[in-house]
Structure formats: structure tokens, C-alpha cells
Amino acid sequence: MTLSDSQKAEVRATMEAYASAYKNKDIKGLLTVFSPDICGFGSGPDEIVLGRASFVRQIKRDISQATVNSVVFSDTQIFGEGRVAWLMTKTAIGFTLAGEKMQTLKGRSTMVMRNTGSRWQIEQIHFSLPYGGQKEGQSFPGA
């Protein structure tokens, strides 16, 4: 069984709620979108989230270091069965550091969501940046 179009729309709405709350530095809004048991990786080597407390620490660090101007998901593929959805998407995060012009992180995200019965929550997230030292068509750097 796969997710219905309405379930996929609900998953997309959760993604957009995440993007909006992140952009608006809305920690309470993020806590409604993310599971208390959230786990995942960010793009930095030390960005590892294991549970709500580390998630809040990570978000506070993010919003203290930059202003997020936009979060755009594209080429999104949503899969799932029953109360579980998993997705992959390109993610562009436009941000500004103090006194600098806007920059964009062009990365890739995967998420696992669970339907609680009343809404979808993000249980697992991974955001990564393609490795710049690896040539297109090659599986390993330097090849």
C-alpha cells in the first residue's frame, strides 16, 4: 500500500511548516513538527541530533549564527505506507550572516515521518551537501 495523494499533501504541508518555522526562528513551531524522539544529521561534522534536547540546542545554534531567509524544497519524492512516510528532496537554504550578503546552501535532505493520528511528525532528518571534491560520474574522489 502506498500513500494517497491527500496523505502526500499532508506530508508536504509538514515540510512547509518546518521550513516556515525554521525561517521564522520559531522553536515552539518546530517542536510541533518534529517528534520528541527526533534523530538525524546536519551538514556539519558535529551536527548530530539525538532527541529533543539536542535538537533544541542545534536549532538555537543555527538561529544564533545566521538569519534564514528561505528554505525551498524541490524535486521531492514521497513514499510511504500506512502511518509512515519517507522522502528525499533537494533543499536550498538561503541565509545571511551578520553584515554579509545572502548565500545559499544547496543540499539534499531525507526525512522519515510518522502520522500520530492527528498530524505528521518528522522522526528522522538528514541534510547533506554534495562532496565538492568528487567529479560527476565518479563514485570516489580522485578517481
C-alpha atoms as a PDB file:
ATOM      1  CA  MET A   1       0.000   0.000   0.000  1.00  0.00           C
ATOM      2  CA  THR A   2       1.294   3.478  -0.845  1.00  0.00           C
ATOM      3  CA  LEU A   3       0.334   6.873   0.483  1.00  0.00           C
ATOM      4  CA  SER A   4      -2.712   8.538  -1.031  1.00  0.00           C
ATOM      5  CA  ASP A   5      -2.465  11.927  -2.723  1.00  0.00           C
ATOM      6  CA  SER A   6      -4.069  13.531   0.342  1.00  0.00           C
ATOM      7  CA  GLN A   7      -1.508  11.893   2.653  1.00  0.00           C
ATOM      8  CA  LYS A   8       1.310  13.130   0.403  1.00  0.00           C
ATOM      9  CA  ALA A   9      -0.198  16.628   0.565  1.00  0.00           C
ATOM     10  CA  GLU A  10      -0.200  16.390   4.378  1.00  0.00           C
ATOM     11  CA  VAL A  11       3.475  15.354   4.314  1.00  0.00           C
ATOM     12  CA  ARG A  12       4.273  18.336   2.060  1.00  0.00           C
ATOM     13  CA  ALA A  13       2.364  20.603   4.456  1.00  0.00           C
ATOM     14  CA  THR A  14       4.546  19.312   7.306  1.00  0.00           C
ATOM     15  CA  MET A  15       7.654  20.085   5.264  1.00  0.00           C
ATOM     16  CA  GLU A  16       6.386  23.612   4.629  1.00  0.00           C
ATOM     17  CA  ALA A  17       5.533  24.091   8.322  1.00  0.00           C
ATOM     18  CA  TYR A  18       9.117  23.055   9.130  1.00  0.00           C
ATOM     19  CA  ALA A  19      10.518  25.488   6.540  1.00  0.00           C
ATOM     20  CA  SER A  20       8.360  28.349   7.824  1.00  0.00           C
ATOM     21  CA  ALA A  21       9.142  27.760  11.497  1.00  0.00           C
ATOM     22  CA  TYR A  22      12.881  27.437  10.775  1.00  0.00           C
ATOM     23  CA  LYS A  23      12.893  30.635   8.719  1.00  0.00           C
ATOM     24  CA  ASN A  24      10.947  32.482  11.435  1.00  0.00           C
ATOM     25  CA  LYS A  25      13.145  31.193  14.293  1.00  0.00           C
ATOM     26  CA  ASP A  26      10.006  29.670  15.814  1.00  0.00           C
ATOM     27  CA  ILE A  27      11.273  26.989  18.180  1.00  0.00           C
ATOM     28  CA  LYS A  28       7.776  26.194  19.507  1.00  0.00           C
ATOM     29  CA  GLY A  29       6.564  25.730  15.929  1.00  0.00           C
ATOM     30  CA  LEU A  30       9.476  23.403  15.192  1.00  0.00           C
ATOM     31  CA  LEU A  31       8.694  21.343  18.277  1.00  0.00           C
ATOM     32  CA  THR A  32       5.203  20.645  16.925  1.00  0.00           C
ATOM     33  CA  VAL A  33       6.618  19.460  13.596  1.00  0.00           C
ATOM     34  CA  PHE A  34       9.419  17.291  14.972  1.00  0.00           C
ATOM     35  CA  SER A  35       8.960  14.184  17.100  1.00  0.00           C
ATOM     36  CA  PRO A  36      10.232  14.204  20.698  1.00  0.00           C
ATOM     37  CA  ASP A  37      12.460  11.322  19.557  1.00  0.00           C
ATOM     38  CA  ILE A  38      13.923  13.209  16.566  1.00  0.00           C
ATOM     39  CA  CYS A  39      17.267  11.970  15.335  1.00  0.00           C
ATOM     40  CA  GLY A  40      19.417  12.938  12.400  1.00  0.00           C
ATOM     41  CA  PHE A  41      22.419  14.653  10.881  1.00  0.00           C
ATOM     42  CA  GLY A  42      23.101  18.177   9.634  1.00  0.00           C
ATOM     43  CA  SER A  43      25.806  19.156   7.172  1.00  0.00           C
ATOM     44  CA  GLY A  44      28.456  19.980   9.796  1.00  0.00           C
ATOM     45  CA  PRO A  45      30.659  17.248  11.251  1.00  0.00           C
ATOM     46  CA  ASP A  46      29.322  17.908  14.762  1.00  0.00           C
ATOM     47  CA  GLU A  47      25.650  18.276  13.791  1.00  0.00           C
ATOM     48  CA  ILE A  48      24.175  15.140  15.283  1.00  0.00           C
ATOM     49  CA  VAL A  49      20.699  15.192  16.803  1.00  0.00           C
ATOM     50  CA  LEU A  50      19.554  12.506  19.259  1.00  0.00           C
ATOM     51  CA  GLY A  51      16.302  13.571  20.881  1.00  0.00           C
ATOM     52  CA  ARG A  52      14.525  16.804  21.626  1.00  0.00           C
ATOM     53  CA  ALA A  53      17.188  18.390  23.867  1.00  0.00           C
ATOM     54  CA  SER A  54      19.959  18.088  21.279  1.00  0.00           C
ATOM     55  CA  PHE A  55      17.518  19.218  18.570  1.00  0.00           C
ATOM     56  CA  VAL A  56      16.731  22.410  20.501  1.00  0.00           C
ATOM     57  CA  ARG A  57      20.465  23.035  21.096  1.00  0.00           C
ATOM     58  CA  GLN A  58      21.127  22.642  17.374  1.00  0.00           C
ATOM     59  CA  ILE A  59      18.277  24.953  16.352  1.00  0.00           C
ATOM     60  CA  LYS A  60      19.369  27.607  18.875  1.00  0.00           C
ATOM     61  CA  ARG A  61      22.894  27.394  17.491  1.00  0.00           C
ATOM     62  CA  ASP A  62      21.613  27.727  13.916  1.00  0.00           C
ATOM     63  CA  ILE A  63      19.441  30.761  14.603  1.00  0.00           C
ATOM     64  CA  SER A  64      22.161  32.477  16.646  1.00  0.00           C
ATOM     65  CA  GLN A  65      24.620  32.262  13.748  1.00  0.00           C
ATOM     66  CA  ALA A  66      22.540  33.320  10.742  1.00  0.00           C
ATOM     67  CA  THR A  67      19.274  34.705   9.504  1.00  0.00           C
ATOM     68  CA  VAL A  68      17.490  32.139   7.350  1.00  0.00           C
ATOM     69  CA  ASN A  69      15.756  33.949   4.505  1.00  0.00           C
ATOM     70  CA  SER A  70      14.301  30.936   2.714  1.00  0.00           C
ATOM     71  CA  VAL A  71      14.002  27.164   2.764  1.00  0.00           C
ATOM     72  CA  VAL A  72      12.963  25.718  -0.581  1.00  0.00           C
ATOM     73  CA  PHE A  73      12.303  22.043  -1.250  1.00  0.00           C
ATOM     74  CA  SER A  74      12.378  20.835  -4.854  1.00  0.00           C
ATOM     75  CA  ASP A  75      12.342  17.578  -6.815  1.00  0.00           C
ATOM     76  CA  THR A  76      10.660  15.997  -3.798  1.00  0.00           C
ATOM     77  CA  GLN A  77       9.884  12.279  -3.886  1.00  0.00           C
ATOM     78  CA  ILE A  78       7.494  10.986  -1.215  1.00  0.00           C
ATOM     79  CA  PHE A  79       6.995   7.310  -0.430  1.00  0.00           C
ATOM     80  CA  GLY A  80       5.269   5.530   2.399  1.00  0.00           C
ATOM     81  CA  GLU A  81       2.878   3.004   3.766  1.00  0.00           C
ATOM     82  CA  GLY A  82       0.229   3.385   6.421  1.00  0.00           C
ATOM     83  CA  ARG A  83       1.387   5.790   9.110  1.00  0.00           C
ATOM     84  CA  VAL A  84       4.992   6.068   7.895  1.00  0.00           C
ATOM     85  CA  ALA A  85       6.357   8.271   5.108  1.00  0.00           C
ATOM     86  CA  TRP A  86       9.870   8.682   3.829  1.00  0.00           C
ATOM     87  CA  LEU A  87      11.078  11.258   1.367  1.00  0.00           C
ATOM     88  CA  MET A  88      14.029  12.691  -0.456  1.00  0.00           C
ATOM     89  CA  THR A  89      14.279  16.263  -1.676  1.00  0.00           C
ATOM     90  CA  LYS A  90      16.724  18.868  -2.839  1.00  0.00           C
ATOM     91  CA  THR A  91      16.903  21.628  -0.250  1.00  0.00           C
ATOM     92  CA  ALA A  92      18.084  25.201  -0.819  1.00  0.00           C
ATOM     93  CA  ILE A  93      18.584  27.278   2.321  1.00  0.00           C
ATOM     94  CA  GLY A  94      19.110  30.990   1.750  1.00  0.00           C
ATOM     95  CA  PHE A  95      20.830  32.638   4.703  1.00  0.00           C
ATOM     96  CA  THR A  96      22.602  35.814   5.717  1.00  0.00           C
ATOM     97  CA  LEU A  97      25.469  36.109   8.160  1.00  0.00           C
ATOM     98  CA  ALA A  98      25.814  39.413  10.026  1.00  0.00           C
ATOM     99  CA  GLY A  99      26.917  42.155   7.653  1.00  0.00           C
ATOM    100  CA  GLU A 100      27.209  39.905   4.607  1.00  0.00           C
ATOM    101  CA  LYS A 101      25.145  39.300   1.504  1.00  0.00           C
ATOM    102  CA  MET A 102      22.802  36.338   1.227  1.00  0.00           C
ATOM    103  CA  GLN A 103      24.292  32.929   0.488  1.00  0.00           C
ATOM    104  CA  THR A 104      22.596  29.650  -0.404  1.00  0.00           C
ATOM    105  CA  LEU A 105      23.340  26.139   0.817  1.00  0.00           C
ATOM    106  CA  LYS A 106      22.273  23.759  -1.940  1.00  0.00           C
ATOM    107  CA  GLY A 107      21.908  20.397  -0.312  1.00  0.00           C
ATOM    108  CA  ARG A 108      19.883  17.236  -0.159  1.00  0.00           C
ATOM    109  CA  SER A 109      17.539  16.066   2.552  1.00  0.00           C
ATOM    110  CA  THR A 110      15.896  12.851   3.562  1.00  0.00           C
ATOM    111  CA  MET A 111      13.177  12.598   6.185  1.00  0.00           C
ATOM    112  CA  VAL A 112      11.113   9.915   7.834  1.00  0.00           C
ATOM    113  CA  MET A 113       7.725  10.977   9.163  1.00  0.00           C
ATOM    114  CA  ARG A 114       5.121   9.243  11.303  1.00  0.00           C
ATOM    115  CA  ASN A 115       1.441  10.021  11.423  1.00  0.00           C
ATOM    116  CA  THR A 116       0.422  10.406  15.079  1.00  0.00           C
ATOM    117  CA  GLY A 117      -3.258  10.134  14.237  1.00  0.00           C
ATOM    118  CA  SER A 118      -3.712  13.894  14.194  1.00  0.00           C
ATOM    119  CA  ARG A 119      -0.659  15.064  12.216  1.00  0.00           C
ATOM    120  CA  TRP A 120       2.609  14.037  10.585  1.00  0.00           C
ATOM    121  CA  GLN A 121       5.791  14.489  12.628  1.00  0.00           C
ATOM    122  CA  ILE A 122       9.376  14.301  11.447  1.00  0.00           C
ATOM    123  CA  GLU A 123      11.081  11.391  13.229  1.00  0.00           C
ATOM    124  CA  GLN A 124      14.388  11.391  11.343  1.00  0.00           C
ATOM    125  CA  ILE A 125      16.125  14.005   9.186  1.00  0.00           C
ATOM    126  CA  HIS A 126      19.362  14.177   7.246  1.00  0.00           C
ATOM    127  CA  PHE A 127      20.699  17.232   5.429  1.00  0.00           C
ATOM    128  CA  SER A 128      23.910  16.940   3.456  1.00  0.00           C
ATOM    129  CA  LEU A 129      25.916  18.821   0.869  1.00  0.00           C
ATOM    130  CA  PRO A 130      27.334  17.005  -2.148  1.00  0.00           C
ATOM    131  CA  TYR A 131      31.064  16.467  -1.760  1.00  0.00           C
ATOM    132  CA  GLY A 132      32.778  19.101  -3.889  1.00  0.00           C
ATOM    133  CA  GLY A 133      35.967  17.091  -4.450  1.00  0.00           C
ATOM    134  CA  GLN A 134      34.199  14.322  -6.319  1.00  0.00           C
ATOM    135  CA  LYS A 135      33.755  14.660 -10.079  1.00  0.00           C
ATOM    136  CA  GLU A 136      30.402  13.958 -11.696  1.00  0.00           C
ATOM    137  CA  GLY A 137      30.226  10.373 -12.904  1.00  0.00           C
ATOM    138  CA  GLN A 138      32.783   9.212 -10.335  1.00  0.00           C
ATOM    139  CA  SER A 139      31.922   7.229  -7.227  1.00  0.00           C
ATOM    140  CA  PHE A 140      35.043   8.250  -5.281  1.00  0.00           C
ATOM    141  CA  PRO A 141      37.134  11.436  -5.014  1.00  0.00           C
ATOM    142  CA  GLY A 142      40.297  11.419  -7.093  1.00  0.00           C
ATOM    143  CA  ALA A 143      39.034   8.687  -9.421  1.00  0.00           C
END
